[in-house]
Amino acid sequence: MSVALQAVEVLAQEETTFSGLGAVGYGLAAIGPGIGVGIVVGKAIEGMVRQPEMAGQVRTTMFLGIAFTEALALIGLVAGFIF
């Protein structure tokens, strides 16, 4: 039996564990909500500039959009702990 096959057998028998993958997963999960918040705020500012009289209503809607988008980030954090 060749040395390469023996090495493959030894590696196959050992249990491989990766630590810290939850942090990597959450980091990837946080990218989407981060981009989403940026888009929501940018479009809200654009709407306020176009119609200043609607600024109060647009601001309220913007904060609701931010809250829902951040909820996705929290779900990603919880999923990292569960899985």
PDB file of N, CA and C in Angstrom:
ATOM      1  N   MET A   1       0.846  -1.173   0.000  1.00  0.00           N
ATOM      2  CA  MET A   1       0.000   0.000   0.000  1.00  0.00           C
ATOM      3  C   MET A   1       0.894   1.240   0.000  1.00  0.00           C
ATOM      4  N   SER A   2       0.530   2.204  -0.805  1.00  0.00           N
ATOM      5  CA  SER A   2       1.381   3.385  -0.927  1.00  0.00           C
ATOM      6  C   SER A   2       1.213   4.299   0.289  1.00  0.00           C
ATOM      7  N   VAL A   3       2.159   5.166   0.434  1.00  0.00           N
ATOM      8  CA  VAL A   3       2.158   6.104   1.557  1.00  0.00           C
ATOM      9  C   VAL A   3       0.968   7.055   1.458  1.00  0.00           C
ATOM     10  N   ALA A   4       0.607   7.453   0.246  1.00  0.00           N
ATOM     11  CA  ALA A   4      -0.512   8.378   0.062  1.00  0.00           C
ATOM     12  C   ALA A   4      -1.824   7.742   0.509  1.00  0.00           C
ATOM     13  N   LEU A   5      -2.020   6.458   0.185  1.00  0.00           N
ATOM     14  CA  LEU A   5      -3.241   5.786   0.605  1.00  0.00           C
ATOM     15  C   LEU A   5      -3.294   5.611   2.115  1.00  0.00           C
ATOM     16  N   GLN A   6      -2.149   5.334   2.728  1.00  0.00           N
ATOM     17  CA  GLN A   6      -2.112   5.215   4.181  1.00  0.00           C
ATOM     18  C   GLN A   6      -2.451   6.557   4.838  1.00  0.00           C
ATOM     19  N   ALA A   7      -1.954   7.638   4.277  1.00  0.00           N
ATOM     20  CA  ALA A   7      -2.250   8.968   4.824  1.00  0.00           C
ATOM     21  C   ALA A   7      -3.729   9.289   4.699  1.00  0.00           C
ATOM     22  N   VAL A   8      -4.327   8.921   3.573  1.00  0.00           N
ATOM     23  CA  VAL A   8      -5.759   9.164   3.382  1.00  0.00           C
ATOM     24  C   VAL A   8      -6.580   8.358   4.373  1.00  0.00           C
ATOM     25  N   GLU A   9      -6.194   7.130   4.629  1.00  0.00           N
ATOM     26  CA  GLU A   9      -6.908   6.296   5.594  1.00  0.00           C
ATOM     27  C   GLU A   9      -6.812   6.874   6.997  1.00  0.00           C
ATOM     28  N   VAL A  10      -5.639   7.360   7.368  1.00  0.00           N
ATOM     29  CA  VAL A  10      -5.459   7.943   8.699  1.00  0.00           C
ATOM     30  C   VAL A  10      -6.311   9.202   8.831  1.00  0.00           C
ATOM     31  N   LEU A  11      -6.314  10.032   7.803  1.00  0.00           N
ATOM     32  CA  LEU A  11      -7.117  11.255   7.853  1.00  0.00           C
ATOM     33  C   LEU A  11      -8.608  10.951   7.867  1.00  0.00           C
ATOM     34  N   ALA A  12      -9.020   9.905   7.190  1.00  0.00           N
ATOM     35  CA  ALA A  12     -10.436   9.537   7.151  1.00  0.00           C
ATOM     36  C   ALA A  12     -10.890   9.013   8.508  1.00  0.00           C
ATOM     37  N   GLN A  13     -10.005   8.386   9.254  1.00  0.00           N
ATOM     38  CA  GLN A  13     -10.373   7.834  10.556  1.00  0.00           C
ATOM     39  C   GLN A  13     -10.463   8.914  11.629  1.00  0.00           C
ATOM     40  N   GLU A  14      -9.694   9.965  11.482  1.00  0.00           N
ATOM     41  CA  GLU A  14      -9.705  11.035  12.475  1.00  0.00           C
ATOM     42  C   GLU A  14     -10.950  11.888  12.302  1.00  0.00           C
ATOM     43  N   GLU A  15     -11.508  12.275  13.417  1.00  0.00           N
ATOM     44  CA  GLU A  15     -12.687  13.148  13.356  1.00  0.00           C
ATOM     45  C   GLU A  15     -12.209  14.586  13.222  1.00  0.00           C
ATOM     46  N   THR A  16     -12.722  15.250  12.239  1.00  0.00           N
ATOM     47  CA  THR A  16     -12.323  16.624  11.996  1.00  0.00           C
ATOM     48  C   THR A  16     -13.365  17.558  12.593  1.00  0.00           C
ATOM     49  N   THR A  17     -12.912  18.483  13.416  1.00  0.00           N
ATOM     50  CA  THR A  17     -13.821  19.473  13.984  1.00  0.00           C
ATOM     51  C   THR A  17     -13.285  20.852  13.653  1.00  0.00           C
ATOM     52  N   PHE A  18     -14.188  21.696  13.265  1.00  0.00           N
ATOM     53  CA  PHE A  18     -13.833  23.080  12.970  1.00  0.00           C
ATOM     54  C   PHE A  18     -14.492  23.954  14.025  1.00  0.00           C
ATOM     55  N   SER A  19     -13.702  24.747  14.715  1.00  0.00           N
ATOM     56  CA  SER A  19     -14.275  25.657  15.693  1.00  0.00           C
ATOM     57  C   SER A  19     -14.293  27.060  15.113  1.00  0.00           C
ATOM     58  N   GLY A  20     -15.273  27.818  15.497  1.00  0.00           N
ATOM     59  CA  GLY A  20     -15.365  29.189  15.022  1.00  0.00           C
ATOM     60  C   GLY A  20     -16.156  29.365  13.745  1.00  0.00           C
ATOM     61  N   LEU A  21     -16.765  28.296  13.243  1.00  0.00           N
ATOM     62  CA  LEU A  21     -17.540  28.438  12.009  1.00  0.00           C
ATOM     63  C   LEU A  21     -18.835  29.206  12.249  1.00  0.00           C
ATOM     64  N   GLY A  22     -19.337  29.203  13.474  1.00  0.00           N
ATOM     65  CA  GLY A  22     -20.530  29.988  13.781  1.00  0.00           C
ATOM     66  C   GLY A  22     -20.277  31.473  13.605  1.00  0.00           C
ATOM     67  N   ALA A  23     -19.087  31.930  13.997  1.00  0.00           N
ATOM     68  CA  ALA A  23     -18.741  33.337  13.835  1.00  0.00           C
ATOM     69  C   ALA A  23     -18.621  33.704  12.362  1.00  0.00           C
ATOM     70  N   VAL A  24     -18.055  32.805  11.586  1.00  0.00           N
ATOM     71  CA  VAL A  24     -17.934  33.048  10.149  1.00  0.00           C
ATOM     72  C   VAL A  24     -19.324  33.082   9.510  1.00  0.00           C
ATOM     73  N   GLY A  25     -20.188  32.167   9.929  1.00  0.00           N
ATOM     74  CA  GLY A  25     -21.551  32.142   9.395  1.00  0.00           C
ATOM     75  C   GLY A  25     -22.311  33.402   9.745  1.00  0.00           C
ATOM     76  N   TYR A  26     -22.154  33.880  10.979  1.00  0.00           N
ATOM     77  CA  TYR A  26     -22.855  35.107  11.360  1.00  0.00           C
ATOM     78  C   TYR A  26     -22.288  36.301  10.608  1.00  0.00           C
ATOM     79  N   GLY A  27     -20.996  36.300  10.393  1.00  0.00           N
ATOM     80  CA  GLY A  27     -20.400  37.394   9.614  1.00  0.00           C
ATOM     81  C   GLY A  27     -20.966  37.449   8.212  1.00  0.00           C
ATOM     82  N   LEU A  28     -21.134  36.286   7.609  1.00  0.00           N
ATOM     83  CA  LEU A  28     -21.740  36.245   6.274  1.00  0.00           C
ATOM     84  C   LEU A  28     -23.220  36.624   6.326  1.00  0.00           C
ATOM     85  N   ALA A  29     -23.905  36.230   7.401  1.00  0.00           N
ATOM     86  CA  ALA A  29     -25.322  36.546   7.524  1.00  0.00           C
ATOM     87  C   ALA A  29     -25.555  38.028   7.784  1.00  0.00           C
ATOM     88  N   ALA A  30     -24.583  38.710   8.355  1.00  0.00           N
ATOM     89  CA  ALA A  30     -24.738  40.130   8.663  1.00  0.00           C
ATOM     90  C   ALA A  30     -24.511  41.026   7.455  1.00  0.00           C
ATOM     91  N   ILE A  31     -23.964  40.484   6.390  1.00  0.00           N
ATOM     92  CA  ILE A  31     -23.720  41.295   5.196  1.00  0.00           C
ATOM     93  C   ILE A  31     -25.031  41.752   4.574  1.00  0.00           C
ATOM     94  N   GLY A  32     -26.000  40.843   4.457  1.00  0.00           N
ATOM     95  CA  GLY A  32     -27.283  41.175   3.836  1.00  0.00           C
ATOM     96  C   GLY A  32     -28.034  42.276   4.563  1.00  0.00           C
ATOM     97  N   PRO A  33     -28.256  42.141   5.883  1.00  0.00           N
ATOM     98  CA  PRO A  33     -28.937  43.226   6.595  1.00  0.00           C
ATOM     99  C   PRO A  33     -28.161  44.543   6.571  1.00  0.00           C
ATOM    100  N   GLY A  34     -26.847  44.478   6.569  1.00  0.00           N
ATOM    101  CA  GLY A  34     -26.051  45.703   6.485  1.00  0.00           C
ATOM    102  C   GLY A  34     -26.299  46.436   5.184  1.00  0.00           C
ATOM    103  N   ILE A  35     -26.328  45.693   4.100  1.00  0.00           N
ATOM    104  CA  ILE A  35     -26.622  46.288   2.794  1.00  0.00           C
ATOM    105  C   ILE A  35     -28.066  46.787   2.771  1.00  0.00           C
ATOM    106  N   GLY A  36     -28.983  46.015   3.358  1.00  0.00           N
ATOM    107  CA  GLY A  36     -30.391  46.403   3.387  1.00  0.00           C
ATOM    108  C   GLY A  36     -30.626  47.707   4.129  1.00  0.00           C
ATOM    109  N   VAL A  37     -29.980  47.882   5.275  1.00  0.00           N
ATOM    110  CA  VAL A  37     -30.130  49.120   6.043  1.00  0.00           C
ATOM    111  C   VAL A  37     -29.599  50.300   5.240  1.00  0.00           C
ATOM    112  N   GLY A  38     -28.482  50.102   4.567  1.00  0.00           N
ATOM    113  CA  GLY A  38     -27.933  51.171   3.738  1.00  0.00           C
ATOM    114  C   GLY A  38     -28.888  51.584   2.631  1.00  0.00           C
ATOM    115  N   ILE A  39     -29.513  50.617   2.001  1.00  0.00           N
ATOM    116  CA  ILE A  39     -30.462  50.925   0.926  1.00  0.00           C
ATOM    117  C   ILE A  39     -31.694  51.633   1.490  1.00  0.00           C
ATOM    118  N   VAL A  40     -32.223  51.154   2.624  1.00  0.00           N
ATOM    119  CA  VAL A  40     -33.415  51.762   3.224  1.00  0.00           C
ATOM    120  C   VAL A  40     -33.153  53.213   3.598  1.00  0.00           C
ATOM    121  N   VAL A  41     -32.029  53.479   4.253  1.00  0.00           N
ATOM    122  CA  VAL A  41     -31.721  54.845   4.673  1.00  0.00           C
ATOM    123  C   VAL A  41     -31.473  55.738   3.464  1.00  0.00           C
ATOM    124  N   GLY A  42     -30.759  55.222   2.486  1.00  0.00           N
ATOM    125  CA  GLY A  42     -30.491  56.019   1.288  1.00  0.00           C
ATOM    126  C   GLY A  42     -31.758  56.407   0.547  1.00  0.00           C
ATOM    127  N   LYS A  43     -32.669  55.459   0.393  1.00  0.00           N
ATOM    128  CA  LYS A  43     -33.929  55.756  -0.300  1.00  0.00           C
ATOM    129  C   LYS A  43     -34.815  56.684   0.533  1.00  0.00           C
ATOM    130  N   ALA A  44     -34.763  56.560   1.869  1.00  0.00           N
ATOM    131  CA  ALA A  44     -35.543  57.453   2.720  1.00  0.00           C
ATOM    132  C   ALA A  44     -35.031  58.886   2.606  1.00  0.00           C
ATOM    133  N   ILE A  45     -33.729  59.058   2.597  1.00  0.00           N
ATOM    134  CA  ILE A  45     -33.164  60.396   2.436  1.00  0.00           C
ATOM    135  C   ILE A  45     -33.535  60.962   1.075  1.00  0.00           C
ATOM    136  N   GLU A  46     -33.472  60.126   0.053  1.00  0.00           N
ATOM    137  CA  GLU A  46     -33.863  60.561  -1.283  1.00  0.00           C
ATOM    138  C   GLU A  46     -35.326  60.999  -1.308  1.00  0.00           C
ATOM    139  N   GLY A  47     -36.200  60.250  -0.627  1.00  0.00           N
ATOM    140  CA  GLY A  47     -37.618  60.617  -0.561  1.00  0.00           C
ATOM    141  C   GLY A  47     -37.848  61.908   0.196  1.00  0.00           C
ATOM    142  N   MET A  48     -37.079  62.124   1.280  1.00  0.00           N
ATOM    143  CA  MET A  48     -37.222  63.365   2.045  1.00  0.00           C
ATOM    144  C   MET A  48     -36.773  64.578   1.247  1.00  0.00           C
ATOM    145  N   VAL A  49     -35.762  64.392   0.430  1.00  0.00           N
ATOM    146  CA  VAL A  49     -35.274  65.498  -0.397  1.00  0.00           C
ATOM    147  C   VAL A  49     -36.292  65.835  -1.480  1.00  0.00           C
ATOM    148  N   ARG A  50     -36.932  64.831  -2.035  1.00  0.00           N
ATOM    149  CA  ARG A  50     -37.899  65.063  -3.107  1.00  0.00           C
ATOM    150  C   ARG A  50     -39.197  65.672  -2.586  1.00  0.00           C
ATOM    151  N   GLN A  51     -39.642  65.248  -1.397  1.00  0.00           N
ATOM    152  CA  GLN A  51     -40.876  65.781  -0.816  1.00  0.00           C
ATOM    153  C   GLN A  51     -40.645  66.092   0.657  1.00  0.00           C
ATOM    154  N   PRO A  52     -40.141  67.279   0.960  1.00  0.00           N
ATOM    155  CA  PRO A  52     -39.840  67.629   2.359  1.00  0.00           C
ATOM    156  C   PRO A  52     -41.065  67.601   3.273  1.00  0.00           C
ATOM    157  N   GLU A  53     -42.255  67.844   2.727  1.00  0.00           N
ATOM    158  CA  GLU A  53     -43.449  67.853   3.573  1.00  0.00           C
ATOM    159  C   GLU A  53     -43.814  66.466   4.082  1.00  0.00           C
ATOM    160  N   MET A  54     -43.298  65.410   3.468  1.00  0.00           N
ATOM    161  CA  MET A  54     -43.571  64.033   3.893  1.00  0.00           C
ATOM    162  C   MET A  54     -42.435  63.447   4.738  1.00  0.00           C
ATOM    163  N   ALA A  55     -41.513  64.300   5.177  1.00  0.00           N
ATOM    164  CA  ALA A  55     -40.318  63.817   5.886  1.00  0.00           C
ATOM    165  C   ALA A  55     -40.671  63.032   7.147  1.00  0.00           C
ATOM    166  N   GLY A  56     -41.673  63.476   7.901  1.00  0.00           N
ATOM    167  CA  GLY A  56     -42.039  62.779   9.137  1.00  0.00           C
ATOM    168  C   GLY A  56     -42.541  61.369   8.880  1.00  0.00           C
ATOM    169  N   GLN A  57     -43.406  61.240   7.892  1.00  0.00           N
ATOM    170  CA  GLN A  57     -43.953  59.914   7.574  1.00  0.00           C
ATOM    171  C   GLN A  57     -42.877  59.008   6.974  1.00  0.00           C
ATOM    172  N   VAL A  58     -42.014  59.574   6.129  1.00  0.00           N
ATOM    173  CA  VAL A  58     -40.934  58.785   5.523  1.00  0.00           C
ATOM    174  C   VAL A  58     -39.954  58.323   6.596  1.00  0.00           C
ATOM    175  N   ARG A  59     -39.677  59.206   7.564  1.00  0.00           N
ATOM    176  CA  ARG A  59     -38.744  58.845   8.643  1.00  0.00           C
ATOM    177  C   ARG A  59     -39.311  57.701   9.478  1.00  0.00           C
ATOM    178  N   THR A  60     -40.596  57.749   9.783  1.00  0.00           N
ATOM    179  CA  THR A  60     -41.236  56.675  10.551  1.00  0.00           C
ATOM    180  C   THR A  60     -41.148  55.347   9.801  1.00  0.00           C
ATOM    181  N   THR A  61     -41.458  55.392   8.520  1.00  0.00           N
ATOM    182  CA  THR A  61     -41.390  54.183   7.704  1.00  0.00           C
ATOM    183  C   THR A  61     -39.951  53.672   7.607  1.00  0.00           C
ATOM    184  N   MET A  62     -38.991  54.608   7.553  1.00  0.00           N
ATOM    185  CA  MET A  62     -37.582  54.216   7.490  1.00  0.00           C
ATOM    186  C   MET A  62     -37.177  53.451   8.755  1.00  0.00           C
ATOM    187  N   PHE A  63     -37.591  53.952   9.920  1.00  0.00           N
ATOM    188  CA  PHE A  63     -37.226  53.277  11.165  1.00  0.00           C
ATOM    189  C   PHE A  63     -37.873  51.899  11.265  1.00  0.00           C
ATOM    190  N   LEU A  64     -39.094  51.757  10.763  1.00  0.00           N
ATOM    191  CA  LEU A  64     -39.716  50.434  10.728  1.00  0.00           C
ATOM    192  C   LEU A  64     -38.947  49.491   9.808  1.00  0.00           C
ATOM    193  N   GLY A  65     -38.533  49.985   8.663  1.00  0.00           N
ATOM    194  CA  GLY A  65     -37.750  49.171   7.732  1.00  0.00           C
ATOM    195  C   GLY A  65     -36.422  48.749   8.323  1.00  0.00           C
ATOM    196  N   ILE A  66     -35.775  49.670   9.044  1.00  0.00           N
ATOM    197  CA  ILE A  66     -34.507  49.335   9.700  1.00  0.00           C
ATOM    198  C   ILE A  66     -34.727  48.264  10.767  1.00  0.00           C
ATOM    199  N   ALA A  67     -35.811  48.395  11.539  1.00  0.00           N
ATOM    200  CA  ALA A  67     -36.092  47.413  12.601  1.00  0.00           C
ATOM    201  C   ALA A  67     -36.312  46.023  12.010  1.00  0.00           C
ATOM    202  N   PHE A  68     -37.087  45.933  10.934  1.00  0.00           N
ATOM    203  CA  PHE A  68     -37.330  44.629  10.314  1.00  0.00           C
ATOM    204  C   PHE A  68     -36.055  44.059   9.698  1.00  0.00           C
ATOM    205  N   THR A  69     -35.224  44.922   9.128  1.00  0.00           N
ATOM    206  CA  THR A  69     -33.983  44.450   8.522  1.00  0.00           C
ATOM    207  C   THR A  69     -33.012  43.966   9.590  1.00  0.00           C
ATOM    208  N   GLU A  70     -32.937  44.667  10.705  1.00  0.00           N
ATOM    209  CA  GLU A  70     -32.059  44.240  11.794  1.00  0.00           C
ATOM    210  C   GLU A  70     -32.561  42.956  12.448  1.00  0.00           C
ATOM    211  N   ALA A  71     -33.862  42.710  12.375  1.00  0.00           N
ATOM    212  CA  ALA A  71     -34.390  41.454  12.907  1.00  0.00           C
ATOM    213  C   ALA A  71     -33.792  40.274  12.145  1.00  0.00           C
ATOM    214  N   LEU A  72     -33.540  40.464  10.844  1.00  0.00           N
ATOM    215  CA  LEU A  72     -32.887  39.398  10.076  1.00  0.00           C
ATOM    216  C   LEU A  72     -31.484  39.110  10.603  1.00  0.00           C
ATOM    217  N   ALA A  73     -30.770  40.159  10.985  1.00  0.00           N
ATOM    218  CA  ALA A  73     -29.420  39.957  11.529  1.00  0.00           C
ATOM    219  C   ALA A  73     -29.486  39.204  12.858  1.00  0.00           C
ATOM    220  N   LEU A  74     -30.470  39.527  13.686  1.00  0.00           N
ATOM    221  CA  LEU A  74     -30.603  38.815  14.947  1.00  0.00           C
ATOM    222  C   LEU A  74     -30.993  37.359  14.746  1.00  0.00           C
ATOM    223  N   ILE A  75     -31.836  37.093  13.749  1.00  0.00           N
ATOM    224  CA  ILE A  75     -32.175  35.711  13.444  1.00  0.00           C
ATOM    225  C   ILE A  75     -30.927  34.951  12.992  1.00  0.00           C
ATOM    226  N   GLY A  76     -30.071  35.613  12.220  1.00  0.00           N
ATOM    227  CA  GLY A  76     -28.814  34.987  11.804  1.00  0.00           C
ATOM    228  C   GLY A  76     -27.909  34.695  13.000  1.00  0.00           C
ATOM    229  N   LEU A  77     -27.887  35.582  13.973  1.00  0.00           N
ATOM    230  CA  LEU A  77     -27.082  35.361  15.176  1.00  0.00           C
ATOM    231  C   LEU A  77     -27.612  34.159  15.962  1.00  0.00           C
ATOM    232  N   VAL A  78     -28.910  34.085  16.131  1.00  0.00           N
ATOM    233  CA  VAL A  78     -29.520  32.973  16.872  1.00  0.00           C
ATOM    234  C   VAL A  78     -29.294  31.662  16.118  1.00  0.00           C
ATOM    235  N   ALA A  79     -29.438  31.687  14.800  1.00  0.00           N
ATOM    236  CA  ALA A  79     -29.229  30.472  14.014  1.00  0.00           C
ATOM    237  C   ALA A  79     -27.778  29.993  14.138  1.00  0.00           C
ATOM    238  N   GLY A  80     -26.838  30.924  14.276  1.00  0.00           N
ATOM    239  CA  GLY A  80     -25.445  30.532  14.485  1.00  0.00           C
ATOM    240  C   GLY A  80     -25.242  29.782  15.787  1.00  0.00           C
ATOM    241  N   PHE A  81     -25.979  30.163  16.822  1.00  0.00           N
ATOM    242  CA  PHE A  81     -25.867  29.460  18.099  1.00  0.00           C
ATOM    243  C   PHE A  81     -26.591  28.115  18.068  1.00  0.00           C
ATOM    244  N   ILE A  82     -27.707  28.046  17.337  1.00  0.00           N
ATOM    245  CA  ILE A  82     -28.491  26.815  17.311  1.00  0.00           C
ATOM    246  C   ILE A  82     -27.791  25.749  16.485  1.00  0.00           C
ATOM    247  N   PHE A  83     -27.323  26.121  15.314  1.00  0.00           N
ATOM    248  CA  PHE A  83     -26.734  25.146  14.405  1.00  0.00           C
ATOM    249  C   PHE A  83     -25.261  25.229  14.552  1.00  0.00           C
TER     250      PHE A  83
END
